[in-house]
Amino acid sequence: TLTKLLPGLWPGRGSGQAPAAKGTVPRTPFNHAVDADRVIGH
């Protein structure tokens, strides 16, 4: 499987993964430990 994947991991070959947006992913108040309760809405 790695042999099949490696060619697509080289720059410009297209790995089948979605394009990454520019910059690193920041943390928000939602990106921390998750408690057991749930709140919903719509």
Full PDB file with SEQRES, HELIX, SHEET, SSBOND, CRYST1, ORIGX, SCALE, CONECT and MASTER records, all heavy atoms in Angstrom:
SEQRES   1 A   42  THR LEU THR LYS LEU LEU PRO GLY LEU TRP PRO GLY ARG          
SEQRES   2 A   42  GLY SER GLY GLN ALA PRO ALA ALA LYS GLY THR VAL PRO          
SEQRES   3 A   42  ARG THR PRO PHE ASN HIS ALA VAL ASP ALA ASP ARG VAL          
SEQRES   4 A   42  ILE GLY HIS                                                  
HELIX    1 AA1 LEU A    2  LEU A    9  1                                   8    
CRYST1    1.000    1.000    1.000  90.00  90.00  90.00 P 1           1          
ORIGX1      1.000000  0.000000  0.000000        0.00000                         
ORIGX2      0.000000  1.000000  0.000000        0.00000                         
ORIGX3      0.000000  0.000000  1.000000        0.00000                         
SCALE1      1.000000  0.000000  0.000000        0.00000                         
SCALE2      0.000000  1.000000  0.000000        0.00000                         
SCALE3      0.000000  0.000000  1.000000        0.00000                         
ATOM      1  N   THR A   1       0.828  -1.209   0.000  1.00  0.00           N  
ATOM      2  CA  THR A   1       0.000   0.000   0.000  1.00  0.00           C  
ATOM      3  C   THR A   1       0.861   1.256   0.000  1.00  0.00           C  
ATOM      4  O   THR A   1       0.561   2.230  -0.690  1.00  0.00           O  
ATOM      5  CB  THR A   1      -0.939  -0.003   1.216  1.00  0.00           C  
ATOM      6  OG1 THR A   1      -1.750  -1.174   1.170  1.00  0.00           O  
ATOM      7  CG2 THR A   1      -1.840   1.223   1.215  1.00  0.00           C  
ATOM      8  N   LEU A   2       1.943   1.248   0.783  1.00  0.00           N  
ATOM      9  CA  LEU A   2       2.839   2.406   0.799  1.00  0.00           C  
ATOM     10  C   LEU A   2       3.465   2.624  -0.574  1.00  0.00           C  
ATOM     11  O   LEU A   2       3.641   3.759  -1.018  1.00  0.00           O  
ATOM     12  CB  LEU A   2       3.925   2.213   1.861  1.00  0.00           C  
ATOM     13  CG  LEU A   2       3.498   2.406   3.304  1.00  0.00           C  
ATOM     14  CD1 LEU A   2       4.623   2.022   4.252  1.00  0.00           C  
ATOM     15  CD2 LEU A   2       3.066   3.849   3.563  1.00  0.00           C  
ATOM     16  N   THR A   3       3.785   1.528  -1.255  1.00  0.00           N  
ATOM     17  CA  THR A   3       4.346   1.639  -2.600  1.00  0.00           C  
ATOM     18  C   THR A   3       3.350   2.304  -3.547  1.00  0.00           C  
ATOM     19  O   THR A   3       3.715   3.106  -4.405  1.00  0.00           O  
ATOM     20  CB  THR A   3       4.716   0.242  -3.132  1.00  0.00           C  
ATOM     21  OG1 THR A   3       5.661  -0.349  -2.246  1.00  0.00           O  
ATOM     22  CG2 THR A   3       5.313   0.339  -4.529  1.00  0.00           C  
ATOM     23  N   LYS A   4       2.070   1.964  -3.352  1.00  0.00           N  
ATOM     24  CA  LYS A   4       1.029   2.558  -4.195  1.00  0.00           C  
ATOM     25  C   LYS A   4       0.807   4.029  -3.851  1.00  0.00           C  
ATOM     26  O   LYS A   4       0.494   4.843  -4.722  1.00  0.00           O  
ATOM     27  CB  LYS A   4      -0.263   1.764  -3.998  1.00  0.00           C  
ATOM     28  CG  LYS A   4      -1.428   2.238  -4.849  1.00  0.00           C  
ATOM     29  CD  LYS A   4      -2.552   1.217  -4.896  1.00  0.00           C  
ATOM     30  CE  LYS A   4      -3.024   0.784  -3.540  1.00  0.00           C  
ATOM     31  NZ  LYS A   4      -4.191  -0.120  -3.616  1.00  0.00           N  
ATOM     32  N   LEU A   5       0.989   4.387  -2.583  1.00  0.00           N  
ATOM     33  CA  LEU A   5       0.721   5.756  -2.149  1.00  0.00           C  
ATOM     34  C   LEU A   5       1.873   6.718  -2.425  1.00  0.00           C  
ATOM     35  O   LEU A   5       1.661   7.888  -2.718  1.00  0.00           O  
ATOM     36  CB  LEU A   5       0.428   5.782  -0.639  1.00  0.00           C  
ATOM     37  CG  LEU A   5      -0.995   5.501  -0.187  1.00  0.00           C  
ATOM     38  CD1 LEU A   5      -1.044   5.425   1.326  1.00  0.00           C  
ATOM     39  CD2 LEU A   5      -1.946   6.577  -0.685  1.00  0.00           C  
ATOM     40  N   LEU A   6       3.108   6.231  -2.325  1.00  0.00           N  
ATOM     41  CA  LEU A   6       4.261   7.126  -2.362  1.00  0.00           C  
ATOM     42  C   LEU A   6       4.339   8.006  -3.605  1.00  0.00           C  
ATOM     43  O   LEU A   6       4.645   9.197  -3.492  1.00  0.00           O  
ATOM     44  CB  LEU A   6       5.551   6.312  -2.204  1.00  0.00           C  
ATOM     45  CG  LEU A   6       5.860   5.859  -0.770  1.00  0.00           C  
ATOM     46  CD1 LEU A   6       7.092   4.965  -0.751  1.00  0.00           C  
ATOM     47  CD2 LEU A   6       6.060   7.071   0.143  1.00  0.00           C  
ATOM     48  N   PRO A   7       4.067   7.481  -4.815  1.00  0.00           N  
ATOM     49  CA  PRO A   7       4.145   8.370  -5.979  1.00  0.00           C  
ATOM     50  C   PRO A   7       3.231   9.577  -5.871  1.00  0.00           C  
ATOM     51  O   PRO A   7       3.576  10.676  -6.315  1.00  0.00           O  
ATOM     52  CB  PRO A   7       3.726   7.456  -7.144  1.00  0.00           C  
ATOM     53  CG  PRO A   7       4.077   6.094  -6.691  1.00  0.00           C  
ATOM     54  CD  PRO A   7       3.790   6.087  -5.207  1.00  0.00           C  
ATOM     55  N   GLY A   8       2.068   9.400  -5.261  1.00  0.00           N  
ATOM     56  CA  GLY A   8       1.133  10.507  -5.138  1.00  0.00           C  
ATOM     57  C   GLY A   8       1.498  11.489  -4.048  1.00  0.00           C  
ATOM     58  O   GLY A   8       0.908  12.561  -3.954  1.00  0.00           O  
ATOM     59  N   LEU A   9       2.447  11.114  -3.179  1.00  0.00           N  
ATOM     60  CA  LEU A   9       2.839  12.009  -2.092  1.00  0.00           C  
ATOM     61  C   LEU A   9       3.915  13.004  -2.512  1.00  0.00           C  
ATOM     62  O   LEU A   9       4.196  13.951  -1.788  1.00  0.00           O  
ATOM     63  CB  LEU A   9       3.338  11.178  -0.896  1.00  0.00           C  
ATOM     64  CG  LEU A   9       2.290  10.257  -0.264  1.00  0.00           C  
ATOM     65  CD1 LEU A   9       2.920   9.460   0.870  1.00  0.00           C  
ATOM     66  CD2 LEU A   9       1.097  11.058   0.242  1.00  0.00           C  
ATOM     67  N   TRP A  10       4.548  12.776  -3.689  1.00  0.00           N  
ATOM     68  CA  TRP A  10       5.545  13.730  -4.160  1.00  0.00           C  
ATOM     69  C   TRP A  10       4.855  14.999  -4.622  1.00  0.00           C  
ATOM     70  O   TRP A  10       3.770  14.963  -5.168  1.00  0.00           O  
ATOM     71  CB  TRP A  10       6.353  13.134  -5.318  1.00  0.00           C  
ATOM     72  CG  TRP A  10       7.221  11.997  -4.905  1.00  0.00           C  
ATOM     73  CD1 TRP A  10       6.998  10.672  -5.136  1.00  0.00           C  
ATOM     74  CD2 TRP A  10       8.430  12.079  -4.149  1.00  0.00           C  
ATOM     75  NE1 TRP A  10       7.987   9.918  -4.585  1.00  0.00           N  
ATOM     76  CE2 TRP A  10       8.891  10.748  -3.960  1.00  0.00           C  
ATOM     77  CE3 TRP A  10       9.172  13.129  -3.601  1.00  0.00           C  
ATOM     78  CZ2 TRP A  10      10.055  10.445  -3.268  1.00  0.00           C  
ATOM     79  CZ3 TRP A  10      10.330  12.838  -2.917  1.00  0.00           C  
ATOM     80  CH2 TRP A  10      10.763  11.511  -2.755  1.00  0.00           C  
ATOM     81  N   PRO A  11       5.496  16.142  -4.428  1.00  0.00           N  
ATOM     82  CA  PRO A  11       4.880  17.402  -4.847  1.00  0.00           C  
ATOM     83  C   PRO A  11       4.499  17.362  -6.317  1.00  0.00           C  
ATOM     84  O   PRO A  11       5.256  16.904  -7.168  1.00  0.00           O  
ATOM     85  CB  PRO A  11       5.976  18.447  -4.572  1.00  0.00           C  
ATOM     86  CG  PRO A  11       6.835  17.823  -3.514  1.00  0.00           C  
ATOM     87  CD  PRO A  11       6.808  16.345  -3.788  1.00  0.00           C  
ATOM     88  N   GLY A  12       3.263  17.862  -6.599  1.00  0.00           N  
ATOM     89  CA  GLY A  12       2.789  17.962  -7.963  1.00  0.00           C  
ATOM     90  C   GLY A  12       2.150  16.714  -8.512  1.00  0.00           C  
ATOM     91  O   GLY A  12       1.650  16.702  -9.623  1.00  0.00           O  
ATOM     92  N   ARG A  13       2.166  15.596  -7.755  1.00  0.00           N  
ATOM     93  CA  ARG A  13       1.604  14.367  -8.286  1.00  0.00           C  
ATOM     94  C   ARG A  13       0.160  14.158  -7.847  1.00  0.00           C  
ATOM     95  O   ARG A  13      -0.551  13.372  -8.439  1.00  0.00           O  
ATOM     96  CB  ARG A  13       2.459  13.164  -7.827  1.00  0.00           C  
ATOM     97  CG  ARG A  13       3.843  13.169  -8.400  1.00  0.00           C  
ATOM     98  CD  ARG A  13       3.815  13.004  -9.906  1.00  0.00           C  
ATOM     99  NE  ARG A  13       3.170  11.759 -10.289  1.00  0.00           N  
ATOM    100  CZ  ARG A  13       3.817  10.605 -10.388  1.00  0.00           C  
ATOM    101  NH1 ARG A  13       5.120  10.543 -10.148  1.00  0.00           N  
ATOM    102  NH2 ARG A  13       3.171   9.519 -10.761  1.00  0.00           N  
ATOM    103  N   GLY A  14      -0.284  14.776  -6.754  1.00  0.00           N  
ATOM    104  CA  GLY A  14      -1.670  14.623  -6.321  1.00  0.00           C  
ATOM    105  C   GLY A  14      -1.880  13.327  -5.584  1.00  0.00           C  
ATOM    106  O   GLY A  14      -1.877  12.252  -6.158  1.00  0.00           O  
ATOM    107  N   SER A  15      -2.042  13.374  -4.286  1.00  0.00           N  
ATOM    108  CA  SER A  15      -2.163  12.179  -3.457  1.00  0.00           C  
ATOM    109  C   SER A  15      -3.573  11.691  -3.293  1.00  0.00           C  
ATOM    110  O   SER A  15      -3.806  10.677  -2.664  1.00  0.00           O  
ATOM    111  CB  SER A  15      -1.595  12.460  -2.062  1.00  0.00           C  
ATOM    112  OG  SER A  15      -2.361  13.451  -1.419  1.00  0.00           O  
ATOM    113  N   GLY A  16      -4.544  12.418  -3.827  1.00  0.00           N  
ATOM    114  CA  GLY A  16      -5.927  12.031  -3.578  1.00  0.00           C  
ATOM    115  C   GLY A  16      -6.460  12.630  -2.296  1.00  0.00           C  
ATOM    116  O   GLY A  16      -7.569  12.345  -1.889  1.00  0.00           O  
ATOM    117  N   GLN A  17      -5.662  13.449  -1.630  1.00  0.00           N  
ATOM    118  CA  GLN A  17      -6.141  14.111  -0.425  1.00  0.00           C  
ATOM    119  C   GLN A  17      -6.564  15.529  -0.758  1.00  0.00           C  
ATOM    120  O   GLN A  17      -6.100  16.137  -1.714  1.00  0.00           O  
ATOM    121  CB  GLN A  17      -5.040  14.141   0.647  1.00  0.00           C  
ATOM    122  CG  GLN A  17      -4.559  12.747   1.044  1.00  0.00           C  
ATOM    123  CD  GLN A  17      -5.703  11.871   1.491  1.00  0.00           C  
ATOM    124  OE1 GLN A  17      -6.398  12.187   2.441  1.00  0.00           O  
ATOM    125  NE2 GLN A  17      -5.946  10.772   0.783  1.00  0.00           N  
ATOM    126  N   ALA A  18      -7.430  16.066   0.059  1.00  0.00           N  
ATOM    127  CA  ALA A  18      -7.936  17.405  -0.193  1.00  0.00           C  
ATOM    128  C   ALA A  18      -6.833  18.433  -0.047  1.00  0.00           C  
ATOM    129  O   ALA A  18      -5.916  18.265   0.748  1.00  0.00           O  
ATOM    130  CB  ALA A  18      -9.059  17.721   0.782  1.00  0.00           C  
ATOM    131  N   PRO A  19      -6.878  19.507  -0.810  1.00  0.00           N  
ATOM    132  CA  PRO A  19      -5.850  20.538  -0.705  1.00  0.00           C  
ATOM    133  C   PRO A  19      -5.892  21.213   0.655  1.00  0.00           C  
ATOM    134  O   PRO A  19      -6.960  21.504   1.172  1.00  0.00           O  
ATOM    135  CB  PRO A  19      -6.225  21.519  -1.820  1.00  0.00           C  
ATOM    136  CG  PRO A  19      -7.691  21.335  -2.018  1.00  0.00           C  
ATOM    137  CD  PRO A  19      -7.938  19.882  -1.764  1.00  0.00           C  
ATOM    138  N   ALA A  20      -4.745  21.427   1.245  1.00  0.00           N  
ATOM    139  CA  ALA A  20      -4.710  22.100   2.537  1.00  0.00           C  
ATOM    140  C   ALA A  20      -4.790  23.602   2.348  1.00  0.00           C  
ATOM    141  O   ALA A  20      -4.238  24.166   1.406  1.00  0.00           O  
ATOM    142  CB  ALA A  20      -3.404  21.745   3.260  1.00  0.00           C  
ATOM    143  N   ALA A  21      -5.516  24.248   3.238  1.00  0.00           N  
ATOM    144  CA  ALA A  21      -5.585  25.703   3.188  1.00  0.00           C  
ATOM    145  C   ALA A  21      -4.276  26.285   3.709  1.00  0.00           C  
ATOM    146  O   ALA A  21      -3.512  25.628   4.405  1.00  0.00           O  
ATOM    147  CB  ALA A  21      -6.763  26.183   4.023  1.00  0.00           C  
ATOM    148  N   LYS A  22      -4.048  27.534   3.371  1.00  0.00           N  
ATOM    149  CA  LYS A  22      -2.802  28.162   3.774  1.00  0.00           C  
ATOM    150  C   LYS A  22      -2.755  28.349   5.284  1.00  0.00           C  
ATOM    151  O   LYS A  22      -3.748  28.665   5.927  1.00  0.00           O  
ATOM    152  CB  LYS A  22      -2.657  29.519   3.079  1.00  0.00           C  
ATOM    153  CG  LYS A  22      -2.508  29.408   1.561  1.00  0.00           C  
ATOM    154  CD  LYS A  22      -2.376  30.784   0.929  1.00  0.00           C  
ATOM    155  CE  LYS A  22      -2.215  30.673  -0.586  1.00  0.00           C  
ATOM    156  NZ  LYS A  22      -2.109  32.007  -1.214  1.00  0.00           N  
ATOM    157  N   GLY A  23      -1.547  28.193   5.829  1.00  0.00           N  
ATOM    158  CA  GLY A  23      -1.359  28.459   7.247  1.00  0.00           C  
ATOM    159  C   GLY A  23      -1.699  27.263   8.122  1.00  0.00           C  
ATOM    160  O   GLY A  23      -2.292  26.280   7.700  1.00  0.00           O  
ATOM    161  N   THR A  24      -1.288  27.346   9.382  1.00  0.00           N  
ATOM    162  CA  THR A  24      -1.580  26.292  10.349  1.00  0.00           C  
ATOM    163  C   THR A  24      -3.009  26.442  10.863  1.00  0.00           C  
ATOM    164  O   THR A  24      -3.624  27.499  10.736  1.00  0.00           O  
ATOM    165  CB  THR A  24      -0.601  26.366  11.525  1.00  0.00           C  
ATOM    166  OG1 THR A  24      -0.707  27.672  12.133  1.00  0.00           O  
ATOM    167  CG2 THR A  24       0.834  26.154  11.056  1.00  0.00           C  
ATOM    168  N   VAL A  25      -3.522  25.374  11.467  1.00  0.00           N  
ATOM    169  CA  VAL A  25      -4.872  25.400  12.007  1.00  0.00           C  
ATOM    170  C   VAL A  25      -4.806  25.947  13.436  1.00  0.00           C  
ATOM    171  O   VAL A  25      -4.121  25.379  14.295  1.00  0.00           O  
ATOM    172  CB  VAL A  25      -5.492  23.991  12.010  1.00  0.00           C  
ATOM    173  CG1 VAL A  25      -6.894  24.022  12.598  1.00  0.00           C  
ATOM    174  CG2 VAL A  25      -5.518  23.426  10.592  1.00  0.00           C  
ATOM    175  N   PRO A  26      -5.499  27.051  13.717  1.00  0.00           N  
ATOM    176  CA  PRO A  26      -5.445  27.632  15.064  1.00  0.00           C  
ATOM    177  C   PRO A  26      -6.346  26.859  16.031  1.00  0.00           C  
ATOM    178  O   PRO A  26      -7.166  26.041  15.614  1.00  0.00           O  
ATOM    179  CB  PRO A  26      -5.993  29.044  14.841  1.00  0.00           C  
ATOM    180  CG  PRO A  26      -6.971  28.869  13.718  1.00  0.00           C  
ATOM    181  CD  PRO A  26      -6.374  27.823  12.809  1.00  0.00           C  
ATOM    182  N   ARG A  27      -6.194  27.123  17.300  1.00  0.00           N  
ATOM    183  CA  ARG A  27      -7.109  26.564  18.301  1.00  0.00           C  
ATOM    184  C   ARG A  27      -8.152  27.607  18.661  1.00  0.00           C  
ATOM    185  O   ARG A  27      -7.873  28.796  18.721  1.00  0.00           O  
ATOM    186  CB  ARG A  27      -6.356  26.125  19.557  1.00  0.00           C  
ATOM    187  CG  ARG A  27      -5.622  24.803  19.384  1.00  0.00           C  
ATOM    188  CD  ARG A  27      -5.155  24.228  20.716  1.00  0.00           C  
ATOM    189  NE  ARG A  27      -4.429  22.993  20.519  1.00  0.00           N  
ATOM    190  CZ  ARG A  27      -4.985  21.786  20.495  1.00  0.00           C  
ATOM    191  NH1 ARG A  27      -6.298  21.675  20.671  1.00  0.00           N  
ATOM    192  NH2 ARG A  27      -4.259  20.703  20.306  1.00  0.00           N  
ATOM    193  N   THR A  28      -9.354  27.121  18.928  1.00  0.00           N  
ATOM    194  CA  THR A  28     -10.453  27.972  19.373  1.00  0.00           C  
ATOM    195  C   THR A  28     -10.959  27.432  20.698  1.00  0.00           C  
ATOM    196  O   THR A  28     -10.516  26.360  21.141  1.00  0.00           O  
ATOM    197  CB  THR A  28     -11.607  27.964  18.352  1.00  0.00           C  
ATOM    198  OG1 THR A  28     -12.271  26.690  18.410  1.00  0.00           O  
ATOM    199  CG2 THR A  28     -11.094  28.194  16.931  1.00  0.00           C  
ATOM    200  N   PRO A  29     -11.891  28.103  21.360  1.00  0.00           N  
ATOM    201  CA  PRO A  29     -12.462  27.551  22.598  1.00  0.00           C  
ATOM    202  C   PRO A  29     -13.128  26.200  22.402  1.00  0.00           C  
ATOM    203  O   PRO A  29     -13.356  25.472  23.380  1.00  0.00           O  
ATOM    204  CB  PRO A  29     -13.492  28.617  22.993  1.00  0.00           C  
ATOM    205  CG  PRO A  29     -12.964  29.890  22.431  1.00  0.00           C  
ATOM    206  CD  PRO A  29     -12.334  29.496  21.132  1.00  0.00           C  
ATOM    207  N   PHE A  30     -13.460  25.819  21.146  1.00  0.00           N  
ATOM    208  CA  PHE A  30     -14.093  24.525  20.887  1.00  0.00           C  
ATOM    209  C   PHE A  30     -13.082  23.394  20.749  1.00  0.00           C  
ATOM    210  O   PHE A  30     -13.476  22.232  20.640  1.00  0.00           O  
ATOM    211  CB  PHE A  30     -14.925  24.591  19.597  1.00  0.00           C  
ATOM    212  CG  PHE A  30     -15.938  25.692  19.592  1.00  0.00           C  
ATOM    213  CD1 PHE A  30     -15.836  26.737  18.687  1.00  0.00           C  
ATOM    214  CD2 PHE A  30     -16.983  25.699  20.502  1.00  0.00           C  
ATOM    215  CE1 PHE A  30     -16.774  27.759  18.684  1.00  0.00           C  
ATOM    216  CE2 PHE A  30     -17.922  26.717  20.500  1.00  0.00           C  
ATOM    217  CZ  PHE A  30     -17.814  27.753  19.595  1.00  0.00           C  
ATOM    218  N   ASN A  31     -11.793  23.734  20.732  1.00  0.00           N  
ATOM    219  CA  ASN A  31     -10.762  22.724  20.464  1.00  0.00           C  
ATOM    220  C   ASN A  31      -9.983  22.354  21.713  1.00  0.00           C  
ATOM    221  O   ASN A  31      -8.756  22.436  21.751  1.00  0.00           O  
ATOM    222  CB  ASN A  31      -9.828  23.233  19.356  1.00  0.00           C  
ATOM    223  CG  ASN A  31     -10.567  23.562  18.084  1.00  0.00           C  
ATOM    224  OD1 ASN A  31     -10.397  24.631  17.515  1.00  0.00           O  
ATOM    225  ND2 ASN A  31     -11.425  22.663  17.632  1.00  0.00           N  
ATOM    226  N   HIS A  32     -10.734  21.938  22.717  1.00  0.00           N  
ATOM    227  CA  HIS A  32     -10.148  21.491  23.980  1.00  0.00           C  
ATOM    228  C   HIS A  32     -10.914  20.272  24.468  1.00  0.00           C  
ATOM    229  O   HIS A  32     -11.730  19.707  23.724  1.00  0.00           O  
ATOM    230  CB  HIS A  32     -10.155  22.632  25.001  1.00  0.00           C  
ATOM    231  CG  HIS A  32      -9.298  23.798  24.595  1.00  0.00           C  
ATOM    232  ND1 HIS A  32      -7.922  23.772  24.613  1.00  0.00           N  
ATOM    233  CD2 HIS A  32      -9.634  25.029  24.122  1.00  0.00           C  
ATOM    234  CE1 HIS A  32      -7.442  24.923  24.184  1.00  0.00           C  
ATOM    235  NE2 HIS A  32      -8.456  25.711  23.876  1.00  0.00           N  
ATOM    236  N   ALA A  33     -10.660  19.849  25.698  1.00  0.00           N  
ATOM    237  CA  ALA A  33     -11.289  18.644  26.239  1.00  0.00           C  
ATOM    238  C   ALA A  33     -12.807  18.715  26.128  1.00  0.00           C  
ATOM    239  O   ALA A  33     -13.413  19.774  26.299  1.00  0.00           O  
ATOM    240  CB  ALA A  33     -10.870  18.452  27.696  1.00  0.00           C  
ATOM    241  N   VAL A  34     -13.422  17.571  25.832  1.00  0.00           N  
ATOM    242  CA  VAL A  34     -14.864  17.480  25.617  1.00  0.00           C  
ATOM    243  C   VAL A  34     -15.517  16.782  26.804  1.00  0.00           C  
ATOM    244  O   VAL A  34     -15.137  15.669  27.157  1.00  0.00           O  
ATOM    245  CB  VAL A  34     -15.162  16.713  24.314  1.00  0.00           C  
ATOM    246  CG1 VAL A  34     -16.658  16.486  24.146  1.00  0.00           C  
ATOM    247  CG2 VAL A  34     -14.594  17.468  23.112  1.00  0.00           C  
ATOM    248  N   ASP A  35     -16.507  17.438  27.418  1.00  0.00           N  
ATOM    249  CA  ASP A  35     -17.242  16.843  28.538  1.00  0.00           C  
ATOM    250  C   ASP A  35     -18.278  15.846  28.030  1.00  0.00           C  
ATOM    251  O   ASP A  35     -18.512  15.703  26.830  1.00  0.00           O  
ATOM    252  CB  ASP A  35     -17.938  17.937  29.356  1.00  0.00           C  
ATOM    253  CG  ASP A  35     -16.944  18.817  30.100  1.00  0.00           C  
ATOM    254  OD1 ASP A  35     -15.789  18.369  30.293  1.00  0.00           O  
ATOM    255  OD2 ASP A  35     -17.313  19.947  30.481  1.00  0.00           O  
ATOM    256  N   ALA A  36     -18.946  15.168  28.985  1.00  0.00           N  
ATOM    257  CA  ALA A  36     -19.870  14.090  28.628  1.00  0.00           C  
ATOM    258  C   ALA A  36     -21.261  14.586  28.236  1.00  0.00           C  
ATOM    259  O   ALA A  36     -22.018  13.854  27.603  1.00  0.00           O  
ATOM    260  CB  ALA A  36     -19.987  13.105  29.790  1.00  0.00           C  
ATOM    261  N   ASP A  37     -21.645  15.815  28.607  1.00  0.00           N  
ATOM    262  CA  ASP A  37     -22.985  16.306  28.275  1.00  0.00           C  
ATOM    263  C   ASP A  37     -23.031  16.772  26.817  1.00  0.00           C  
ATOM    264  O   ASP A  37     -22.002  16.902  26.168  1.00  0.00           O  
ATOM    265  CB  ASP A  37     -23.377  17.460  29.194  1.00  0.00           C  
ATOM    266  CG  ASP A  37     -22.526  18.692  28.926  1.00  0.00           C  
ATOM    267  OD1 ASP A  37     -21.325  18.658  29.233  1.00  0.00           O  
ATOM    268  OD2 ASP A  37     -23.048  19.678  28.364  1.00  0.00           O  
ATOM    269  N   ARG A  38     -24.251  17.004  26.297  1.00  0.00           N  
ATOM    270  CA  ARG A  38     -24.391  17.476  24.932  1.00  0.00           C  
ATOM    271  C   ARG A  38     -25.419  18.605  24.865  1.00  0.00           C  
ATOM    272  O   ARG A  38     -26.479  18.553  25.494  1.00  0.00           O  
ATOM    273  CB  ARG A  38     -24.830  16.338  23.991  1.00  0.00           C  
ATOM    274  CG  ARG A  38     -23.774  15.236  23.836  1.00  0.00           C  
ATOM    275  CD  ARG A  38     -22.529  15.756  23.137  1.00  0.00           C  
ATOM    276  NE  ARG A  38     -21.510  14.734  22.974  1.00  0.00           N  
ATOM    277  CZ  ARG A  38     -20.494  14.532  23.799  1.00  0.00           C  
ATOM    278  NH1 ARG A  38     -20.354  15.299  24.884  1.00  0.00           N  
ATOM    279  NH2 ARG A  38     -19.599  13.604  23.554  1.00  0.00           N  
ATOM    280  N   VAL A  39     -25.083  19.627  24.071  1.00  0.00           N  
ATOM    281  CA  VAL A  39     -25.953  20.772  23.813  1.00  0.00           C  
ATOM    282  C   VAL A  39     -26.188  20.820  22.311  1.00  0.00           C  
ATOM    283  O   VAL A  39     -25.240  20.693  21.527  1.00  0.00           O  
ATOM    284  CB  VAL A  39     -25.292  22.081  24.302  1.00  0.00           C  
ATOM    285  CG1 VAL A  39     -26.077  23.290  23.820  1.00  0.00           C  
ATOM    286  CG2 VAL A  39     -25.169  22.076  25.811  1.00  0.00           C  
ATOM    287  N   ILE A  40     -27.445  20.999  21.898  1.00  0.00           N  
ATOM    288  CA  ILE A  40     -27.756  21.020  20.470  1.00  0.00           C  
ATOM    289  C   ILE A  40     -28.582  22.252  20.105  1.00  0.00           C  
ATOM    290  O   ILE A  40     -29.117  22.948  20.976  1.00  0.00           O  
ATOM    291  CB  ILE A  40     -28.510  19.749  20.028  1.00  0.00           C  
ATOM    292  CG1 ILE A  40     -29.962  19.790  20.541  1.00  0.00           C  
ATOM    293  CG2 ILE A  40     -27.818  18.498  20.501  1.00  0.00           C  
ATOM    294  CD1 ILE A  40     -30.887  18.830  19.831  1.00  0.00           C  
ATOM    295  N   GLY A  41     -28.696  22.489  18.816  1.00  0.00           N  
ATOM    296  CA  GLY A  41     -29.542  23.556  18.290  1.00  0.00           C  
ATOM    297  C   GLY A  41     -29.530  23.475  16.773  1.00  0.00           C  
ATOM    298  O   GLY A  41     -28.803  22.664  16.188  1.00  0.00           O  
ATOM    299  N   HIS A  42     -30.332  24.337  16.112  1.00  0.00           N  
ATOM    300  CA  HIS A  42     -30.343  24.317  14.658  1.00  0.00           C  
ATOM    301  C   HIS A  42     -30.929  25.605  14.108  1.00  0.00           C  
ATOM    302  O   HIS A  42     -31.586  26.366  14.818  1.00  0.00           O  
ATOM    303  CB  HIS A  42     -31.145  23.121  14.139  1.00  0.00           C  
ATOM    304  CG  HIS A  42     -32.639  23.336  14.073  1.00  0.00           C  
ATOM    305  ND1 HIS A  42     -33.431  23.462  15.200  1.00  0.00           N  
ATOM    306  CD2 HIS A  42     -33.484  23.465  13.008  1.00  0.00           C  
ATOM    307  CE1 HIS A  42     -34.687  23.627  14.845  1.00  0.00           C  
ATOM    308  NE2 HIS A  42     -34.756  23.648  13.519  1.00  0.00           N  
TER     309      HIS A  42                                                      
MASTER        0    0    0    1    0    0    0    6  308    1    0    4          
END                                                                             
